[in-house]
């Protein structure tokens, strides 16, 4: 499931499998049917995520869809939500948001 928050300067897309899903496995959502993303975009994703099928394919799909400023932080050994890299991911995310919100 993805939650999307869009402001004038950036977009937050959060994947969270802990909440009740709005899309069930029998349904498919194609993000490319939405207008291309033209705002700052940061994806932090792990290659060992067992919750998201084909994590690299998912990331590549999102990066291809986004047309604005985009950045990928890819952790080949990262688990779901890159929980095993929180010591790097959280400070990096905070710095990224500071830069986007203060500019």
PDB file of N, CA and C in Angstrom:
ATOM      1  N   UNK A   1       0.848  -1.162   0.000  1.00  0.00           N
ATOM      2  CA  UNK A   1       0.000   0.000   0.000  1.00  0.00           C
ATOM      3  C   UNK A   1       0.896   1.229   0.000  1.00  0.00           C
ATOM      4  N   UNK A   2       0.432   2.241  -0.662  1.00  0.00           N
ATOM      5  CA  UNK A   2       1.176   3.486  -0.725  1.00  0.00           C
ATOM      6  C   UNK A   2       0.295   4.633  -0.256  1.00  0.00           C
ATOM      7  N   UNK A   3       0.859   5.493   0.567  1.00  0.00           N
ATOM      8  CA  UNK A   3       0.214   6.737   0.949  1.00  0.00           C
ATOM      9  C   UNK A   3       0.950   7.837   0.208  1.00  0.00           C
ATOM     10  N   UNK A   4       0.222   8.723  -0.407  1.00  0.00           N
ATOM     11  CA  UNK A   4       0.867   9.787  -1.173  1.00  0.00           C
ATOM     12  C   UNK A   4       0.452  11.130  -0.599  1.00  0.00           C
ATOM     13  N   UNK A   5       1.439  11.951  -0.264  1.00  0.00           N
ATOM     14  CA  UNK A   5       1.222  13.327   0.173  1.00  0.00           C
ATOM     15  C   UNK A   5       1.931  14.225  -0.823  1.00  0.00           C
ATOM     16  N   UNK A   6       1.218  15.172  -1.387  1.00  0.00           N
ATOM     17  CA  UNK A   6       1.807  16.056  -2.393  1.00  0.00           C
ATOM     18  C   UNK A   6       1.690  17.501  -1.930  1.00  0.00           C
ATOM     19  N   UNK A   7       2.817  18.189  -1.908  1.00  0.00           N
ATOM     20  CA  UNK A   7       2.826  19.626  -1.637  1.00  0.00           C
ATOM     21  C   UNK A   7       3.343  20.315  -2.896  1.00  0.00           C
ATOM     22  N   UNK A   8       3.540  21.615  -2.823  1.00  0.00           N
ATOM     23  CA  UNK A   8       4.055  22.337  -3.983  1.00  0.00           C
ATOM     24  C   UNK A   8       5.516  22.023  -4.264  1.00  0.00           C
ATOM     25  N   UNK A   9       6.258  21.549  -3.277  1.00  0.00           N
ATOM     26  CA  UNK A   9       7.689  21.359  -3.469  1.00  0.00           C
ATOM     27  C   UNK A   9       8.159  19.909  -3.424  1.00  0.00           C
ATOM     28  N   UNK A  10       7.389  19.014  -2.836  1.00  0.00           N
ATOM     29  CA  UNK A  10       7.829  17.630  -2.773  1.00  0.00           C
ATOM     30  C   UNK A  10       6.643  16.695  -2.608  1.00  0.00           C
ATOM     31  N   UNK A  11       6.909  15.420  -2.781  1.00  0.00           N
ATOM     32  CA  UNK A  11       5.900  14.383  -2.621  1.00  0.00           C
ATOM     33  C   UNK A  11       6.461  13.331  -1.686  1.00  0.00           C
ATOM     34  N   UNK A  12       5.606  12.831  -0.811  1.00  0.00           N
ATOM     35  CA  UNK A  12       5.985  11.723   0.058  1.00  0.00           C
ATOM     36  C   UNK A  12       5.138  10.528  -0.362  1.00  0.00           C
ATOM     37  N   UNK A  13       5.786   9.436  -0.672  1.00  0.00           N
ATOM     38  CA  UNK A  13       5.095   8.182  -0.935  1.00  0.00           C
ATOM     39  C   UNK A  13       5.618   7.200   0.093  1.00  0.00           C
ATOM     40  N   UNK A  14       4.732   6.727   0.939  1.00  0.00           N
ATOM     41  CA  UNK A  14       5.126   5.831   2.020  1.00  0.00           C
ATOM     42  C   UNK A  14       4.468   4.478   1.793  1.00  0.00           C
ATOM     43  N   UNK A  15       5.272   3.449   1.796  1.00  0.00           N
ATOM     44  CA  UNK A  15       4.758   2.099   1.731  1.00  0.00           C
ATOM     45  C   UNK A  15       4.693   1.571   3.151  1.00  0.00           C
ATOM     46  N   UNK A  16       3.539   1.106   3.554  1.00  0.00           N
ATOM     47  CA  UNK A  16       3.395   0.596   4.910  1.00  0.00           C
ATOM     48  C   UNK A  16       2.473  -0.606   4.891  1.00  0.00           C
ATOM     49  N   UNK A  17       3.019  -1.757   5.177  1.00  0.00           N
ATOM     50  CA  UNK A  17       2.226  -2.971   5.160  1.00  0.00           C
ATOM     51  C   UNK A  17       1.604  -3.266   6.518  1.00  0.00           C
ATOM     52  N   UNK A  18       1.859  -2.423   7.510  1.00  0.00           N
ATOM     53  CA  UNK A  18       1.324  -2.661   8.846  1.00  0.00           C
ATOM     54  C   UNK A  18      -0.110  -2.150   8.989  1.00  0.00           C
ATOM     55  N   UNK A  19      -0.533  -1.293   8.091  1.00  0.00           N
ATOM     56  CA  UNK A  19      -1.875  -0.744   8.160  1.00  0.00           C
ATOM     57  C   UNK A  19      -2.802  -1.551   7.257  1.00  0.00           C
ATOM     58  N   UNK A  20      -4.095  -1.410   7.476  1.00  0.00           N
ATOM     59  CA  UNK A  20      -5.057  -2.140   6.662  1.00  0.00           C
ATOM     60  C   UNK A  20      -4.934  -1.684   5.207  1.00  0.00           C
ATOM     61  N   UNK A  21      -4.781  -2.617   4.286  1.00  0.00           N
ATOM     62  CA  UNK A  21      -4.549  -2.222   2.900  1.00  0.00           C
ATOM     63  C   UNK A  21      -5.772  -1.608   2.239  1.00  0.00           C
ATOM     64  N   UNK A  22      -5.521  -0.683   1.319  1.00  0.00           N
ATOM     65  CA  UNK A  22      -6.599  -0.132   0.508  1.00  0.00           C
ATOM     66  C   UNK A  22      -6.638  -0.824  -0.847  1.00  0.00           C
ATOM     67  N   UNK A  23      -5.616  -1.587  -1.151  1.00  0.00           N
ATOM     68  CA  UNK A  23      -5.549  -2.345  -2.392  1.00  0.00           C
ATOM     69  C   UNK A  23      -5.283  -3.793  -2.023  1.00  0.00           C
ATOM     70  N   UNK A  24      -6.143  -4.662  -2.450  1.00  0.00           N
ATOM     71  CA  UNK A  24      -6.000  -6.065  -2.117  1.00  0.00           C
ATOM     72  C   UNK A  24      -5.227  -6.790  -3.213  1.00  0.00           C
ATOM     73  N   UNK A  25      -4.654  -7.960  -2.916  1.00  0.00           N
ATOM     74  CA  UNK A  25      -3.793  -8.639  -3.888  1.00  0.00           C
ATOM     75  C   UNK A  25      -4.425  -8.851  -5.253  1.00  0.00           C
ATOM     76  N   UNK A  26      -5.748  -8.982  -5.326  1.00  0.00           N
ATOM     77  CA  UNK A  26      -6.385  -9.218  -6.615  1.00  0.00           C
ATOM     78  C   UNK A  26      -6.488  -7.939  -7.441  1.00  0.00           C
ATOM     79  N   UNK A  27      -6.221  -6.785  -6.822  1.00  0.00           N
ATOM     80  CA  UNK A  27      -6.275  -5.516  -7.531  1.00  0.00           C
ATOM     81  C   UNK A  27      -4.868  -5.085  -7.910  1.00  0.00           C
ATOM     82  N   UNK A  28      -4.763  -4.373  -9.012  1.00  0.00           N
ATOM     83  CA  UNK A  28      -3.480  -3.823  -9.407  1.00  0.00           C
ATOM     84  C   UNK A  28      -3.620  -2.321  -9.565  1.00  0.00           C
ATOM     85  N   UNK A  29      -2.610  -1.599  -9.124  1.00  0.00           N
ATOM     86  CA  UNK A  29      -2.565  -0.160  -9.294  1.00  0.00           C
ATOM     87  C   UNK A  29      -1.339   0.144 -10.139  1.00  0.00           C
ATOM     88  N   UNK A  30      -1.547   0.847 -11.233  1.00  0.00           N
ATOM     89  CA  UNK A  30      -0.431   1.223 -12.100  1.00  0.00           C
ATOM     90  C   UNK A  30      -0.155   2.708 -11.922  1.00  0.00           C
ATOM     91  N   UNK A  31       0.938   3.037 -11.256  1.00  0.00           N
ATOM     92  CA  UNK A  31       1.277   4.426 -10.953  1.00  0.00           C
ATOM     93  C   UNK A  31       1.481   5.239 -12.230  1.00  0.00           C
ATOM     94  N   UNK A  32       1.851   4.574 -13.319  1.00  0.00           N
ATOM     95  CA  UNK A  32       2.090   5.299 -14.566  1.00  0.00           C
ATOM     96  C   UNK A  32       0.801   5.780 -15.227  1.00  0.00           C
ATOM     97  N   UNK A  33      -0.349   5.373 -14.695  1.00  0.00           N
ATOM     98  CA  UNK A  33      -1.620   5.909 -15.184  1.00  0.00           C
ATOM     99  C   UNK A  33      -1.904   7.273 -14.560  1.00  0.00           C
ATOM    100  N   UNK A  34      -1.149   7.621 -13.536  1.00  0.00           N
ATOM    101  CA  UNK A  34      -1.259   8.944 -12.915  1.00  0.00           C
ATOM    102  C   UNK A  34      -0.319   9.893 -13.661  1.00  0.00           C
ATOM    103  N   UNK A  35      -0.572  11.201 -13.573  1.00  0.00           N
ATOM    104  CA  UNK A  35       0.354  12.144 -14.208  1.00  0.00           C
ATOM    105  C   UNK A  35       1.763  11.956 -13.641  1.00  0.00           C
ATOM    106  N   UNK A  36       2.792  12.136 -14.482  1.00  0.00           N
ATOM    107  CA  UNK A  36       4.170  11.970 -14.002  1.00  0.00           C
ATOM    108  C   UNK A  36       4.466  12.901 -12.832  1.00  0.00           C
ATOM    109  N   UNK A  37       5.230  12.406 -11.912  1.00  0.00           N
ATOM    110  CA  UNK A  37       5.611  13.168 -10.733  1.00  0.00           C
ATOM    111  C   UNK A  37       6.633  14.229 -11.115  1.00  0.00           C
ATOM    112  N   UNK A  38       6.334  15.487 -10.819  1.00  0.00           N
ATOM    113  CA  UNK A  38       7.220  16.582 -11.215  1.00  0.00           C
ATOM    114  C   UNK A  38       7.763  17.349 -10.020  1.00  0.00           C
ATOM    115  N   UNK A  39       7.808  16.703  -8.868  1.00  0.00           N
ATOM    116  CA  UNK A  39       8.325  17.332  -7.661  1.00  0.00           C
ATOM    117  C   UNK A  39       9.496  16.510  -7.127  1.00  0.00           C
ATOM    118  N   UNK A  40      10.199  17.048  -6.166  1.00  0.00           N
ATOM    119  CA  UNK A  40      11.327  16.326  -5.574  1.00  0.00           C
ATOM    120  C   UNK A  40      10.854  14.979  -5.039  1.00  0.00           C
ATOM    121  N   UNK A  41      11.672  13.976  -5.258  1.00  0.00           N
ATOM    122  CA  UNK A  41      11.264  12.608  -4.970  1.00  0.00           C
ATOM    123  C   UNK A  41      12.459  11.832  -4.436  1.00  0.00           C
ATOM    124  N   UNK A  42      12.304  11.233  -3.282  1.00  0.00           N
ATOM    125  CA  UNK A  42      13.341  10.416  -2.667  1.00  0.00           C
ATOM    126  C   UNK A  42      12.777   9.026  -2.421  1.00  0.00           C
ATOM    127  N   UNK A  43      13.484   8.028  -2.925  1.00  0.00           N
ATOM    128  CA  UNK A  43      13.121   6.635  -2.634  1.00  0.00           C
ATOM    129  C   UNK A  43      14.273   6.027  -1.851  1.00  0.00           C
ATOM    130  N   UNK A  44      13.936   5.417  -0.731  1.00  0.00           N
ATOM    131  CA  UNK A  44      14.900   4.647   0.053  1.00  0.00           C
ATOM    132  C   UNK A  44      14.355   3.223   0.075  1.00  0.00           C
ATOM    133  N   UNK A  45      15.132   2.308  -0.458  1.00  0.00           N
ATOM    134  CA  UNK A  45      14.605   0.954  -0.599  1.00  0.00           C
ATOM    135  C   UNK A  45      15.704  -0.074  -0.418  1.00  0.00           C
ATOM    136  N   UNK A  46      15.318  -1.269   0.014  1.00  0.00           N
ATOM    137  CA  UNK A  46      16.264  -2.345   0.247  1.00  0.00           C
ATOM    138  C   UNK A  46      16.061  -3.526  -0.670  1.00  0.00           C
ATOM    139  N   UNK A  47      17.163  -4.109  -1.085  1.00  0.00           N
ATOM    140  CA  UNK A  47      17.131  -5.250  -1.985  1.00  0.00           C
ATOM    141  C   UNK A  47      16.694  -6.551  -1.339  1.00  0.00           C
ATOM    142  N   UNK A  48      16.713  -6.616  -0.023  1.00  0.00           N
ATOM    143  CA  UNK A  48      16.318  -7.835   0.692  1.00  0.00           C
ATOM    144  C   UNK A  48      14.924  -7.688   1.314  1.00  0.00           C
ATOM    145  N   UNK A  49      14.136  -6.767   0.778  1.00  0.00           N
ATOM    146  CA  UNK A  49      12.769  -6.547   1.259  1.00  0.00           C
ATOM    147  C   UNK A  49      11.911  -7.724   0.826  1.00  0.00           C
ATOM    148  N   UNK A  50      11.454  -8.530   1.778  1.00  0.00           N
ATOM    149  CA  UNK A  50      10.634  -9.696   1.436  1.00  0.00           C
ATOM    150  C   UNK A  50       9.143  -9.359   1.394  1.00  0.00           C
ATOM    151  N   UNK A  51       8.779  -8.145   1.779  1.00  0.00           N
ATOM    152  CA  UNK A  51       7.378  -7.728   1.761  1.00  0.00           C
ATOM    153  C   UNK A  51       6.996  -7.202   0.383  1.00  0.00           C
ATOM    154  N   UNK A  52       7.892  -6.439  -0.231  1.00  0.00           N
ATOM    155  CA  UNK A  52       7.646  -5.871  -1.552  1.00  0.00           C
ATOM    156  C   UNK A  52       8.233  -6.827  -2.592  1.00  0.00           C
ATOM    157  N   UNK A  53       7.378  -7.362  -3.474  1.00  0.00           N
ATOM    158  CA  UNK A  53       7.908  -8.271  -4.484  1.00  0.00           C
ATOM    159  C   UNK A  53       8.784  -7.522  -5.490  1.00  0.00           C
ATOM    160  N   UNK A  54       9.867  -8.143  -5.895  1.00  0.00           N
ATOM    161  CA  UNK A  54      10.793  -7.564  -6.882  1.00  0.00           C
ATOM    162  C   UNK A  54      11.152  -6.123  -6.555  1.00  0.00           C
ATOM    163  N   UNK A  55      11.807  -5.883  -5.403  1.00  0.00           N
ATOM    164  CA  UNK A  55      12.042  -4.505  -4.967  1.00  0.00           C
ATOM    165  C   UNK A  55      12.771  -3.636  -5.990  1.00  0.00           C
ATOM    166  N   UNK A  56      13.769  -4.150  -6.679  1.00  0.00           N
ATOM    167  CA  UNK A  56      14.496  -3.326  -7.647  1.00  0.00           C
ATOM    168  C   UNK A  56      13.610  -2.960  -8.832  1.00  0.00           C
ATOM    169  N   UNK A  57      12.785  -3.892  -9.269  1.00  0.00           N
ATOM    170  CA  UNK A  57      11.860  -3.592 -10.361  1.00  0.00           C
ATOM    171  C   UNK A  57      10.873  -2.497  -9.951  1.00  0.00           C
ATOM    172  N   UNK A  58      10.386  -2.556  -8.712  1.00  0.00           N
ATOM    173  CA  UNK A  58       9.465  -1.537  -8.207  1.00  0.00           C
ATOM    174  C   UNK A  58      10.134  -0.167  -8.198  1.00  0.00           C
ATOM    175  N   UNK A  59      11.358  -0.112  -7.697  1.00  0.00           N
ATOM    176  CA  UNK A  59      12.097   1.148  -7.616  1.00  0.00           C
ATOM    177  C   UNK A  59      12.340   1.709  -9.008  1.00  0.00           C
ATOM    178  N   UNK A  60      12.790   0.871  -9.922  1.00  0.00           N
ATOM    179  CA  UNK A  60      13.050   1.327 -11.287  1.00  0.00           C
ATOM    180  C   UNK A  60      11.773   1.869 -11.937  1.00  0.00           C
ATOM    181  N   UNK A  61      10.657   1.235 -11.665  1.00  0.00           N
ATOM    182  CA  UNK A  61       9.369   1.668 -12.216  1.00  0.00           C
ATOM    183  C   UNK A  61       9.003   3.070 -11.708  1.00  0.00           C
ATOM    184  N   UNK A  62       9.156   3.295 -10.397  1.00  0.00           N
ATOM    185  CA  UNK A  62       8.871   4.611  -9.820  1.00  0.00           C
ATOM    186  C   UNK A  62       9.840   5.669 -10.355  1.00  0.00           C
ATOM    187  N   UNK A  63      11.107   5.331 -10.441  1.00  0.00           N
ATOM    188  CA  UNK A  63      12.094   6.292 -10.919  1.00  0.00           C
ATOM    189  C   UNK A  63      11.843   6.665 -12.385  1.00  0.00           C
ATOM    190  N   UNK A  64      11.367   5.722 -13.164  1.00  0.00           N
ATOM    191  CA  UNK A  64      11.037   5.993 -14.556  1.00  0.00           C
ATOM    192  C   UNK A  64       9.809   6.902 -14.658  1.00  0.00           C
ATOM    193  N   UNK A  65       8.858   6.728 -13.760  1.00  0.00           N
ATOM    194  CA  UNK A  65       7.614   7.519 -13.761  1.00  0.00           C
ATOM    195  C   UNK A  65       7.876   8.967 -13.355  1.00  0.00           C
ATOM    196  N   UNK A  66       8.748   9.180 -12.408  1.00  0.00           N
ATOM    197  CA  UNK A  66       9.015  10.529 -11.907  1.00  0.00           C
ATOM    198  C   UNK A  66       9.836  11.309 -12.932  1.00  0.00           C
ATOM    199  N   UNK A  67       9.429  12.561 -13.194  1.00  0.00           N
ATOM    200  CA  UNK A  67      10.154  13.389 -14.158  1.00  0.00           C
ATOM    201  C   UNK A  67      10.855  14.566 -13.496  1.00  0.00           C
ATOM    202  N   UNK A  68      10.545  14.843 -12.247  1.00  0.00           N
ATOM    203  CA  UNK A  68      11.186  15.941 -11.529  1.00  0.00           C
ATOM    204  C   UNK A  68      12.506  15.500 -10.927  1.00  0.00           C
ATOM    205  N   UNK A  69      13.012  16.302 -10.003  1.00  0.00           N
ATOM    206  CA  UNK A  69      14.245  15.953  -9.291  1.00  0.00           C
ATOM    207  C   UNK A  69      13.986  14.668  -8.501  1.00  0.00           C
ATOM    208  N   UNK A  70      14.828  13.689  -8.691  1.00  0.00           N
ATOM    209  CA  UNK A  70      14.612  12.402  -8.028  1.00  0.00           C
ATOM    210  C   UNK A  70      15.931  11.831  -7.545  1.00  0.00           C
ATOM    211  N   UNK A  71      15.814  11.066  -6.471  1.00  0.00           N
ATOM    212  CA  UNK A  71      17.007  10.467  -5.870  1.00  0.00           C
ATOM    213  C   UNK A  71      16.654   9.099  -5.331  1.00  0.00           C
ATOM    214  N   UNK A  72      17.550   8.161  -5.536  1.00  0.00           N
ATOM    215  CA  UNK A  72      17.382   6.806  -5.040  1.00  0.00           C
ATOM    216  C   UNK A  72      18.508   6.474  -4.082  1.00  0.00           C
ATOM    217  N   UNK A  73      18.156   6.021  -2.893  1.00  0.00           N
ATOM    218  CA  UNK A  73      19.109   5.465  -1.935  1.00  0.00           C
ATOM    219  C   UNK A  73      18.809   3.966  -1.902  1.00  0.00           C
ATOM    220  N   UNK A  74      19.648   3.188  -2.554  1.00  0.00           N
ATOM    221  CA  UNK A  74      19.431   1.753  -2.691  1.00  0.00           C
ATOM    222  C   UNK A  74      20.379   1.008  -1.762  1.00  0.00           C
ATOM    223  N   UNK A  75      19.825   0.165  -0.928  1.00  0.00           N
ATOM    224  CA  UNK A  75      20.606  -0.655  -0.003  1.00  0.00           C
ATOM    225  C   UNK A  75      20.431  -2.114  -0.426  1.00  0.00           C
ATOM    226  N   UNK A  76      21.394  -2.694  -1.134  1.00  0.00           N
ATOM    227  CA  UNK A  76      21.249  -4.066  -1.616  1.00  0.00           C
ATOM    228  C   UNK A  76      20.916  -5.075  -0.516  1.00  0.00           C
ATOM    229  N   UNK A  77      21.420  -4.848   0.702  1.00  0.00           N
ATOM    230  CA  UNK A  77      21.140  -5.771   1.805  1.00  0.00           C
ATOM    231  C   UNK A  77      20.052  -5.232   2.741  1.00  0.00           C
ATOM    232  N   UNK A  78      19.388  -4.162   2.331  1.00  0.00           N
ATOM    233  CA  UNK A  78      18.347  -3.553   3.160  1.00  0.00           C
ATOM    234  C   UNK A  78      17.095  -4.402   3.232  1.00  0.00           C
ATOM    235  N   UNK A  79      16.573  -4.529   4.443  1.00  0.00           N
ATOM    236  CA  UNK A  79      15.331  -5.263   4.662  1.00  0.00           C
ATOM    237  C   UNK A  79      14.154  -4.316   4.454  1.00  0.00           C
ATOM    238  N   UNK A  80      12.942  -4.772   4.762  1.00  0.00           N
ATOM    239  CA  UNK A  80      11.755  -3.943   4.580  1.00  0.00           C
ATOM    240  C   UNK A  80      11.904  -2.634   5.363  1.00  0.00           C
ATOM    241  N   UNK A  81      11.607  -1.549   4.723  1.00  0.00           N
ATOM    242  CA  UNK A  81      11.766  -0.197   5.287  1.00  0.00           C
ATOM    243  C   UNK A  81      13.224   0.112   5.626  1.00  0.00           C
ATOM    244  N   UNK A  82      14.145  -0.687   5.124  1.00  0.00           N
ATOM    245  CA  UNK A  82      15.580  -0.540   5.434  1.00  0.00           C
ATOM    246  C   UNK A  82      15.800  -0.466   6.945  1.00  0.00           C
ATOM    247  N   UNK A  83      15.025  -1.256   7.667  1.00  0.00           N
ATOM    248  CA  UNK A  83      15.098  -1.243   9.131  1.00  0.00           C
ATOM    249  C   UNK A  83      16.493  -1.559   9.645  1.00  0.00           C
ATOM    250  N   UNK A  84      17.244  -2.350   8.917  1.00  0.00           N
ATOM    251  CA  UNK A  84      18.604  -2.670   9.351  1.00  0.00           C
ATOM    252  C   UNK A  84      19.601  -1.569   8.980  1.00  0.00           C
ATOM    253  N   UNK A  85      19.115  -0.469   8.424  1.00  0.00           N
ATOM    254  CA  UNK A  85      19.954   0.687   8.108  1.00  0.00           C
ATOM    255  C   UNK A  85      19.379   1.984   8.672  1.00  0.00           C
ATOM    256  N   UNK A  86      18.529   1.881   9.679  1.00  0.00           N
ATOM    257  CA  UNK A  86      17.893   3.083  10.246  1.00  0.00           C
ATOM    258  C   UNK A  86      18.915   4.121  10.701  1.00  0.00           C
ATOM    259  N   UNK A  87      20.078   3.674  11.170  1.00  0.00           N
ATOM    260  CA  UNK A  87      21.094   4.632  11.633  1.00  0.00           C
ATOM    261  C   UNK A  87      21.583   5.528  10.492  1.00  0.00           C
ATOM    262  N   UNK A  88      21.437   5.093   9.248  1.00  0.00           N
ATOM    263  CA  UNK A  88      21.787   5.918   8.087  1.00  0.00           C
ATOM    264  C   UNK A  88      20.551   6.562   7.463  1.00  0.00           C
ATOM    265  N   UNK A  89      19.486   5.788   7.350  1.00  0.00           N
ATOM    266  CA  UNK A  89      18.289   6.218   6.625  1.00  0.00           C
ATOM    267  C   UNK A  89      17.569   7.384   7.308  1.00  0.00           C
ATOM    268  N   UNK A  90      17.400   7.309   8.610  1.00  0.00           N
ATOM    269  CA  UNK A  90      16.654   8.353   9.319  1.00  0.00           C
ATOM    270  C   UNK A  90      17.367   9.702   9.238  1.00  0.00           C
ATOM    271  N   UNK A  91      18.661   9.804   9.583  1.00  0.00           N
ATOM    272  CA  UNK A  91      19.327  11.110   9.457  1.00  0.00           C
ATOM    273  C   UNK A  91      19.333  11.625   8.016  1.00  0.00           C
ATOM    274  N   UNK A  92      19.535  10.728   7.049  1.00  0.00           N
ATOM    275  CA  UNK A  92      19.549  11.155   5.657  1.00  0.00           C
ATOM    276  C   UNK A  92      18.188  11.728   5.256  1.00  0.00           C
ATOM    277  N   UNK A  93      17.119  11.044   5.657  1.00  0.00           N
ATOM    278  CA  UNK A  93      15.759  11.507   5.342  1.00  0.00           C
ATOM    279  C   UNK A  93      15.484  12.870   5.965  1.00  0.00           C
ATOM    280  N   UNK A  94      15.884  13.045   7.203  1.00  0.00           N
ATOM    281  CA  UNK A  94      15.680  14.327   7.888  1.00  0.00           C
ATOM    282  C   UNK A  94      16.422  15.442   7.160  1.00  0.00           C
ATOM    283  N   UNK A  95      17.669  15.199   6.787  1.00  0.00           N
ATOM    284  CA  UNK A  95      18.440  16.200   6.043  1.00  0.00           C
ATOM    285  C   UNK A  95      17.786  16.515   4.703  1.00  0.00           C
ATOM    286  N   UNK A  96      17.303  15.493   4.030  1.00  0.00           N
ATOM    287  CA  UNK A  96      16.646  15.684   2.727  1.00  0.00           C
ATOM    288  C   UNK A  96      15.413  16.573   2.885  1.00  0.00           C
ATOM    289  N   UNK A  97      14.585  16.278   3.893  1.00  0.00           N
ATOM    290  CA  UNK A  97      13.383  17.085   4.122  1.00  0.00           C
ATOM    291  C   UNK A  97      13.741  18.522   4.500  1.00  0.00           C
ATOM    292  N   UNK A  98      14.761  18.691   5.303  1.00  0.00           N
ATOM    293  CA  UNK A  98      15.192  20.051   5.665  1.00  0.00           C
ATOM    294  C   UNK A  98      15.555  20.846   4.408  1.00  0.00           C
ATOM    295  N   UNK A  99      16.337  20.241   3.534  1.00  0.00           N
ATOM    296  CA  UNK A  99      16.745  20.927   2.303  1.00  0.00           C
ATOM    297  C   UNK A  99      15.532  21.291   1.452  1.00  0.00           C
ATOM    298  N   UNK A 100      14.582  20.373   1.337  1.00  0.00           N
ATOM    299  CA  UNK A 100      13.418  20.609   0.478  1.00  0.00           C
ATOM    300  C   UNK A 100      12.454  21.615   1.094  1.00  0.00           C
ATOM    301  N   UNK A 101      12.294  21.558   2.387  1.00  0.00           N
ATOM    302  CA  UNK A 101      11.344  22.456   3.050  1.00  0.00           C
ATOM    303  C   UNK A 101      11.883  23.865   3.247  1.00  0.00           C
ATOM    304  N   UNK A 102      13.191  23.995   3.375  1.00  0.00           N
ATOM    305  CA  UNK A 102      13.776  25.316   3.635  1.00  0.00           C
ATOM    306  C   UNK A 102      14.166  26.046   2.350  1.00  0.00           C
ATOM    307  N   UNK A 103      14.073  25.395   1.222  1.00  0.00           N
ATOM    308  CA  UNK A 103      14.391  26.044  -0.070  1.00  0.00           C
ATOM    309  C   UNK A 103      13.144  26.498  -0.778  1.00  0.00           C
TER     310      UNK A 103
END
